[in-house]
Amino acid sequence: MKERVKEVLERDVNPMLATHGGGCELIRITEDNVVKVKLKGACGGCPGARATLKGFVEQALKSEIPEINRVEDV
């Protein structure tokens, strides 16, 4: 699953976040399929970071990898 998550982040998530000066890095995946990520750059300190995480990052990952339970920022 780790490689699949990295692929989606690189292909779909990071190019979009880069347009706003940010990015997303995979930290780890827990045994219960919770993906832990770190929002970087402008996205890390943005007031809308939670909305970006849930509304964009989590949706992009879950649409490609349905076994993911949720995505959390660390």
C-alpha atoms as a PDB file:
ATOM      1  CA  MET A   1       0.000   0.000   0.000  1.00  0.00           C
ATOM      2  CA  LYS A   2       2.895   2.363   0.744  1.00  0.00           C
ATOM      3  CA  GLU A   3       3.964   2.485  -2.906  1.00  0.00           C
ATOM      4  CA  ARG A   4       0.387   3.067  -4.063  1.00  0.00           C
ATOM      5  CA  VAL A   5      -0.004   5.986  -1.632  1.00  0.00           C
ATOM      6  CA  LYS A   6       3.302   7.502  -2.759  1.00  0.00           C
ATOM      7  CA  GLU A   7       2.226   7.185  -6.395  1.00  0.00           C
ATOM      8  CA  VAL A   8      -1.066   9.024  -5.811  1.00  0.00           C
ATOM      9  CA  LEU A   9       0.695  11.751  -3.813  1.00  0.00           C
ATOM     10  CA  GLU A  10       3.292  12.266  -6.545  1.00  0.00           C
ATOM     11  CA  ARG A  11       0.891  12.020  -9.491  1.00  0.00           C
ATOM     12  CA  ASP A  12      -2.249  13.769  -8.225  1.00  0.00           C
ATOM     13  CA  VAL A  13      -1.771  15.555  -4.915  1.00  0.00           C
ATOM     14  CA  ASN A  14       1.641  17.234  -4.981  1.00  0.00           C
ATOM     15  CA  PRO A  15       1.346  18.846  -8.429  1.00  0.00           C
ATOM     16  CA  MET A  16      -1.861  20.560  -7.293  1.00  0.00           C
ATOM     17  CA  LEU A  17      -0.479  21.602  -3.905  1.00  0.00           C
ATOM     18  CA  ALA A  18       2.675  22.898  -5.599  1.00  0.00           C
ATOM     19  CA  THR A  19       0.573  25.484  -7.434  1.00  0.00           C
ATOM     20  CA  HIS A  20      -0.020  27.033  -4.006  1.00  0.00           C
ATOM     21  CA  GLY A  21       3.553  26.640  -2.767  1.00  0.00           C
ATOM     22  CA  GLY A  22       2.957  23.466  -0.795  1.00  0.00           C
ATOM     23  CA  GLY A  23       3.248  19.729  -0.819  1.00  0.00           C
ATOM     24  CA  CYS A  24       2.408  16.543   1.040  1.00  0.00           C
ATOM     25  CA  GLU A  25       4.826  13.916   2.355  1.00  0.00           C
ATOM     26  CA  LEU A  26       3.941  10.389   3.455  1.00  0.00           C
ATOM     27  CA  ILE A  27       5.129   9.746   7.011  1.00  0.00           C
ATOM     28  CA  ARG A  28       3.679   6.293   7.650  1.00  0.00           C
ATOM     29  CA  ILE A  29       0.677   4.017   7.328  1.00  0.00           C
ATOM     30  CA  THR A  30      -0.701   2.447  10.499  1.00  0.00           C
ATOM     31  CA  GLU A  31      -1.862  -1.144  10.875  1.00  0.00           C
ATOM     32  CA  ASP A  32      -5.480   0.026  10.687  1.00  0.00           C
ATOM     33  CA  ASN A  33      -4.871   1.797   7.341  1.00  0.00           C
ATOM     34  CA  VAL A  34      -4.630   5.359   8.618  1.00  0.00           C
ATOM     35  CA  VAL A  35      -2.303   7.342   6.379  1.00  0.00           C
ATOM     36  CA  LYS A  36      -0.153   9.844   8.278  1.00  0.00           C
ATOM     37  CA  VAL A  37       1.136  12.716   6.150  1.00  0.00           C
ATOM     38  CA  LYS A  38       2.876  16.027   6.648  1.00  0.00           C
ATOM     39  CA  LEU A  39       1.692  19.082   4.768  1.00  0.00           C
ATOM     40  CA  LYS A  40       4.729  21.093   3.703  1.00  0.00           C
ATOM     41  CA  GLY A  41       5.505  24.597   2.531  1.00  0.00           C
ATOM     42  CA  ALA A  42       2.631  27.026   2.363  1.00  0.00           C
ATOM     43  CA  CYS A  43       0.148  24.215   3.030  1.00  0.00           C
ATOM     44  CA  GLY A  44       1.691  23.416   6.404  1.00  0.00           C
ATOM     45  CA  GLY A  45       0.773  26.731   7.994  1.00  0.00           C
ATOM     46  CA  CYS A  46      -2.293  27.582   5.960  1.00  0.00           C
ATOM     47  CA  PRO A  47      -5.557  28.280   7.814  1.00  0.00           C
ATOM     48  CA  GLY A  48      -7.287  26.007   5.278  1.00  0.00           C
ATOM     49  CA  ALA A  49      -4.914  23.070   5.853  1.00  0.00           C
ATOM     50  CA  ARG A  50      -7.583  20.873   7.449  1.00  0.00           C
ATOM     51  CA  ALA A  51      -9.950  21.460   4.539  1.00  0.00           C
ATOM     52  CA  THR A  52      -7.151  20.664   2.089  1.00  0.00           C
ATOM     53  CA  LEU A  53      -6.286  17.510   3.995  1.00  0.00           C
ATOM     54  CA  LYS A  54      -9.833  16.167   4.221  1.00  0.00           C
ATOM     55  CA  GLY A  55     -11.361  17.642   1.085  1.00  0.00           C
ATOM     56  CA  PHE A  56      -8.507  17.032  -1.317  1.00  0.00           C
ATOM     57  CA  VAL A  57      -5.712  14.784  -0.046  1.00  0.00           C
ATOM     58  CA  GLU A  58      -7.957  12.238   1.670  1.00  0.00           C
ATOM     59  CA  GLN A  59     -10.418  12.185  -1.233  1.00  0.00           C
ATOM     60  CA  ALA A  60      -7.652  11.678  -3.808  1.00  0.00           C
ATOM     61  CA  LEU A  61      -6.124   8.817  -1.837  1.00  0.00           C
ATOM     62  CA  LYS A  62      -9.400   7.095  -0.969  1.00  0.00           C
ATOM     63  CA  SER A  63     -10.650   7.265  -4.559  1.00  0.00           C
ATOM     64  CA  GLU A  64      -7.598   5.292  -5.694  1.00  0.00           C
ATOM     65  CA  ILE A  65      -7.079   3.151  -2.565  1.00  0.00           C
ATOM     66  CA  PRO A  66     -10.475   2.452  -0.949  1.00  0.00           C
ATOM     67  CA  GLU A  67      -9.011   0.417   1.908  1.00  0.00           C
ATOM     68  CA  ILE A  68      -7.634   3.623   3.466  1.00  0.00           C
ATOM     69  CA  ASN A  69      -9.695   4.500   6.538  1.00  0.00           C
ATOM     70  CA  ARG A  70      -8.619   8.117   6.890  1.00  0.00           C
ATOM     71  CA  VAL A  71      -5.733  10.555   6.371  1.00  0.00           C
ATOM     72  CA  GLU A  72      -4.217  12.544   9.237  1.00  0.00           C
ATOM     73  CA  ASP A  73      -1.661  15.349   9.373  1.00  0.00           C
ATOM     74  CA  VAL A  74       1.219  14.905  11.802  1.00  0.00           C
END
